[in-house]
Every structure is written in structure tokens, then in C-alpha cells.
């Protein structure tokens, strides 16, 4: 459950409370983003490692997807070249 922190408004000096995620909540959110990337890239070995850490933190991973969603973009990097932005091409040859 997020921590509640008391804050003072700059304009009128009134008090309010904001919710700030705990360290564990932040860590779980980061692991879930990492896991989603491994699922998208079809890396079941890495998904299993992240699942082990999530299980250790008490997160139920049984309902999480283990294969990419149908129609999701693939991460096929074979033959992929990094390109310069269009505005930068040929800038070195100009004088």
C-alpha cells in the first residue's frame, strides 16, 4: 500500500496528502515491465528468472502471459541497422 506523505500547497499554504509508492511496489512495477519485454522478445529463460524474483516478493505470476500477444510487434533484429535521423544525413560533407 502506498505511503501517504503530508505536503503543503505553495499557493495557499494548505495541507494535503499525496501517495508515494513504497520501495517494494516500485521494484515490483520495474520487474513487471522487464518481464513484459522478455515475453515480447520470446525469452522464456529470462521470464522464468523474473518470475522467481516476483514469487519471492509475493506476486502471483500464474495469471501473467508467457507468450507474446497475437499481433504484438516482434523484436527481430536480424539485418536491422541503426540509422541517423534524416536531418543528419550528409552533414559531415557540407562545408
C-alpha atoms as a PDB file:
ATOM      1  CA  UNK A   1       0.000   0.000   0.000  1.00  0.00           C
ATOM      2  CA  UNK A   2       1.445   3.406  -0.901  1.00  0.00           C
ATOM      3  CA  UNK A   3       2.790   5.663   1.807  1.00  0.00           C
ATOM      4  CA  UNK A   4       0.877   8.881   2.442  1.00  0.00           C
ATOM      5  CA  UNK A   5       3.045  11.980   2.754  1.00  0.00           C
ATOM      6  CA  UNK A   6       1.831  15.336   4.011  1.00  0.00           C
ATOM      7  CA  UNK A   7       2.607  18.229   1.674  1.00  0.00           C
ATOM      8  CA  UNK A   8       1.944  21.957   1.894  1.00  0.00           C
ATOM      9  CA  UNK A   9       0.460  23.796  -1.084  1.00  0.00           C
ATOM     10  CA  UNK A  10       2.697  26.592  -2.410  1.00  0.00           C
ATOM     11  CA  UNK A  11      -0.089  28.996  -3.359  1.00  0.00           C
ATOM     12  CA  UNK A  12      -2.340  28.936  -0.312  1.00  0.00           C
ATOM     13  CA  UNK A  13      -0.299  27.122   2.333  1.00  0.00           C
ATOM     14  CA  UNK A  14      -2.957  24.438   2.779  1.00  0.00           C
ATOM     15  CA  UNK A  15      -2.071  20.879   3.739  1.00  0.00           C
ATOM     16  CA  UNK A  16      -2.711  17.910   1.523  1.00  0.00           C
ATOM     17  CA  UNK A  17      -1.554  14.301   1.273  1.00  0.00           C
ATOM     18  CA  UNK A  18      -0.021  12.501  -1.679  1.00  0.00           C
ATOM     19  CA  UNK A  19       0.506   8.787  -2.092  1.00  0.00           C
ATOM     20  CA  UNK A  20       4.035   7.665  -2.834  1.00  0.00           C
ATOM     21  CA  UNK A  21       4.718   4.061  -3.842  1.00  0.00           C
ATOM     22  CA  UNK A  22       6.816   2.037  -1.426  1.00  0.00           C
ATOM     23  CA  UNK A  23      10.185   0.657  -2.482  1.00  0.00           C
ATOM     24  CA  UNK A  24       8.700  -2.834  -2.903  1.00  0.00           C
ATOM     25  CA  UNK A  25       5.871  -1.514  -5.104  1.00  0.00           C
ATOM     26  CA  UNK A  26       8.380   0.318  -7.281  1.00  0.00           C
ATOM     27  CA  UNK A  27      10.572  -2.795  -7.538  1.00  0.00           C
ATOM     28  CA  UNK A  28       7.586  -4.997  -8.499  1.00  0.00           C
ATOM     29  CA  UNK A  29       6.497  -2.485 -11.156  1.00  0.00           C
ATOM     30  CA  UNK A  30      10.008  -2.472 -12.642  1.00  0.00           C
ATOM     31  CA  UNK A  31      10.142  -6.281 -12.669  1.00  0.00           C
ATOM     32  CA  UNK A  32       6.756  -6.466 -14.402  1.00  0.00           C
ATOM     33  CA  UNK A  33       7.984  -4.072 -17.132  1.00  0.00           C
ATOM     34  CA  UNK A  34      11.160  -6.120 -17.526  1.00  0.00           C
ATOM     35  CA  UNK A  35       9.131  -9.334 -17.706  1.00  0.00           C
ATOM     36  CA  UNK A  36       6.837  -7.872 -20.383  1.00  0.00           C
ATOM     37  CA  UNK A  37       9.895  -7.083 -22.502  1.00  0.00           C
ATOM     38  CA  UNK A  38      11.190 -10.648 -22.186  1.00  0.00           C
ATOM     39  CA  UNK A  39       7.771 -12.048 -23.109  1.00  0.00           C
ATOM     40  CA  UNK A  40       7.662  -9.779 -26.176  1.00  0.00           C
ATOM     41  CA  UNK A  41      11.138 -10.952 -27.209  1.00  0.00           C
ATOM     42  CA  UNK A  42      10.272 -14.642 -26.585  1.00  0.00           C
ATOM     43  CA  UNK A  43      12.897 -15.143 -23.859  1.00  0.00           C
ATOM     44  CA  UNK A  44      11.307 -17.816 -21.609  1.00  0.00           C
ATOM     45  CA  UNK A  45      14.566 -18.350 -19.696  1.00  0.00           C
ATOM     46  CA  UNK A  46      14.632 -14.706 -18.587  1.00  0.00           C
ATOM     47  CA  UNK A  47      10.865 -14.687 -17.909  1.00  0.00           C
ATOM     48  CA  UNK A  48      11.403 -17.604 -15.514  1.00  0.00           C
ATOM     49  CA  UNK A  49      14.152 -15.706 -13.695  1.00  0.00           C
ATOM     50  CA  UNK A  50      11.968 -12.623 -13.274  1.00  0.00           C
ATOM     51  CA  UNK A  51       9.050 -14.831 -12.180  1.00  0.00           C
ATOM     52  CA  UNK A  52      11.240 -16.346  -9.473  1.00  0.00           C
ATOM     53  CA  UNK A  53      12.002 -12.879  -8.103  1.00  0.00           C
ATOM     54  CA  UNK A  54       8.337 -11.846  -8.301  1.00  0.00           C
ATOM     55  CA  UNK A  55       7.341 -15.044  -6.468  1.00  0.00           C
ATOM     56  CA  UNK A  56       9.880 -14.226  -3.774  1.00  0.00           C
ATOM     57  CA  UNK A  57       8.215 -10.829  -3.362  1.00  0.00           C
ATOM     58  CA  UNK A  58       4.777 -12.457  -3.044  1.00  0.00           C
ATOM     59  CA  UNK A  59       3.401 -11.653  -6.503  1.00  0.00           C
ATOM     60  CA  UNK A  60       1.206 -14.320  -8.102  1.00  0.00           C
ATOM     61  CA  UNK A  61       2.661 -14.847 -11.577  1.00  0.00           C
ATOM     62  CA  UNK A  62       0.312 -17.654 -12.648  1.00  0.00           C
ATOM     63  CA  UNK A  63      -2.085 -15.253 -14.412  1.00  0.00           C
ATOM     64  CA  UNK A  64       0.651 -13.349 -16.280  1.00  0.00           C
ATOM     65  CA  UNK A  65       1.142 -14.078 -20.009  1.00  0.00           C
ATOM     66  CA  UNK A  66       4.080 -16.240 -21.047  1.00  0.00           C
ATOM     67  CA  UNK A  67       3.816 -15.739 -24.802  1.00  0.00           C
ATOM     68  CA  UNK A  68       3.546 -12.524 -26.836  1.00  0.00           C
ATOM     69  CA  UNK A  69       0.047 -11.306 -27.620  1.00  0.00           C
ATOM     70  CA  UNK A  70      -1.163 -12.079 -31.109  1.00  0.00           C
ATOM     71  CA  UNK A  71      -0.318  -9.181 -33.403  1.00  0.00           C
ATOM     72  CA  UNK A  72       2.298  -7.770 -31.000  1.00  0.00           C
ATOM     73  CA  UNK A  73       5.407  -6.368 -32.674  1.00  0.00           C
ATOM     74  CA  UNK A  74       8.293  -8.795 -32.773  1.00  0.00           C
ATOM     75  CA  UNK A  75      11.856  -7.999 -31.871  1.00  0.00           C
ATOM     76  CA  UNK A  76      13.504  -9.352 -34.994  1.00  0.00           C
ATOM     77  CA  UNK A  77      16.827  -7.522 -35.054  1.00  0.00           C
ATOM     78  CA  UNK A  78      18.466  -9.617 -37.761  1.00  0.00           C
ATOM     79  CA  UNK A  79      19.509  -7.363 -40.582  1.00  0.00           C
ATOM     80  CA  UNK A  80      18.462  -4.277 -38.640  1.00  0.00           C
ATOM     81  CA  UNK A  81      20.793  -1.328 -38.986  1.00  0.00           C
ATOM     82  CA  UNK A  82      20.824   1.749 -36.870  1.00  0.00           C
ATOM     83  CA  UNK A  83      20.204   4.858 -38.957  1.00  0.00           C
ATOM     84  CA  UNK A  84      20.908   8.503 -38.417  1.00  0.00           C
ATOM     85  CA  UNK A  85      17.929  10.855 -38.294  1.00  0.00           C
ATOM     86  CA  UNK A  86      17.003  12.267 -41.720  1.00  0.00           C
ATOM     87  CA  UNK A  87      18.222  15.764 -40.812  1.00  0.00           C
ATOM     88  CA  UNK A  88      21.739  14.493 -40.083  1.00  0.00           C
ATOM     89  CA  UNK A  89      22.476  12.687 -43.318  1.00  0.00           C
ATOM     90  CA  UNK A  90      25.305  14.198 -45.257  1.00  0.00           C
ATOM     91  CA  UNK A  91      26.014  16.869 -42.652  1.00  0.00           C
ATOM     92  CA  UNK A  92      29.675  15.859 -42.433  1.00  0.00           C
ATOM     93  CA  UNK A  93      30.222  16.517 -46.158  1.00  0.00           C
ATOM     94  CA  UNK A  94      28.911  20.039 -46.042  1.00  0.00           C
ATOM     95  CA  UNK A  95      31.433  22.772 -45.740  1.00  0.00           C
END
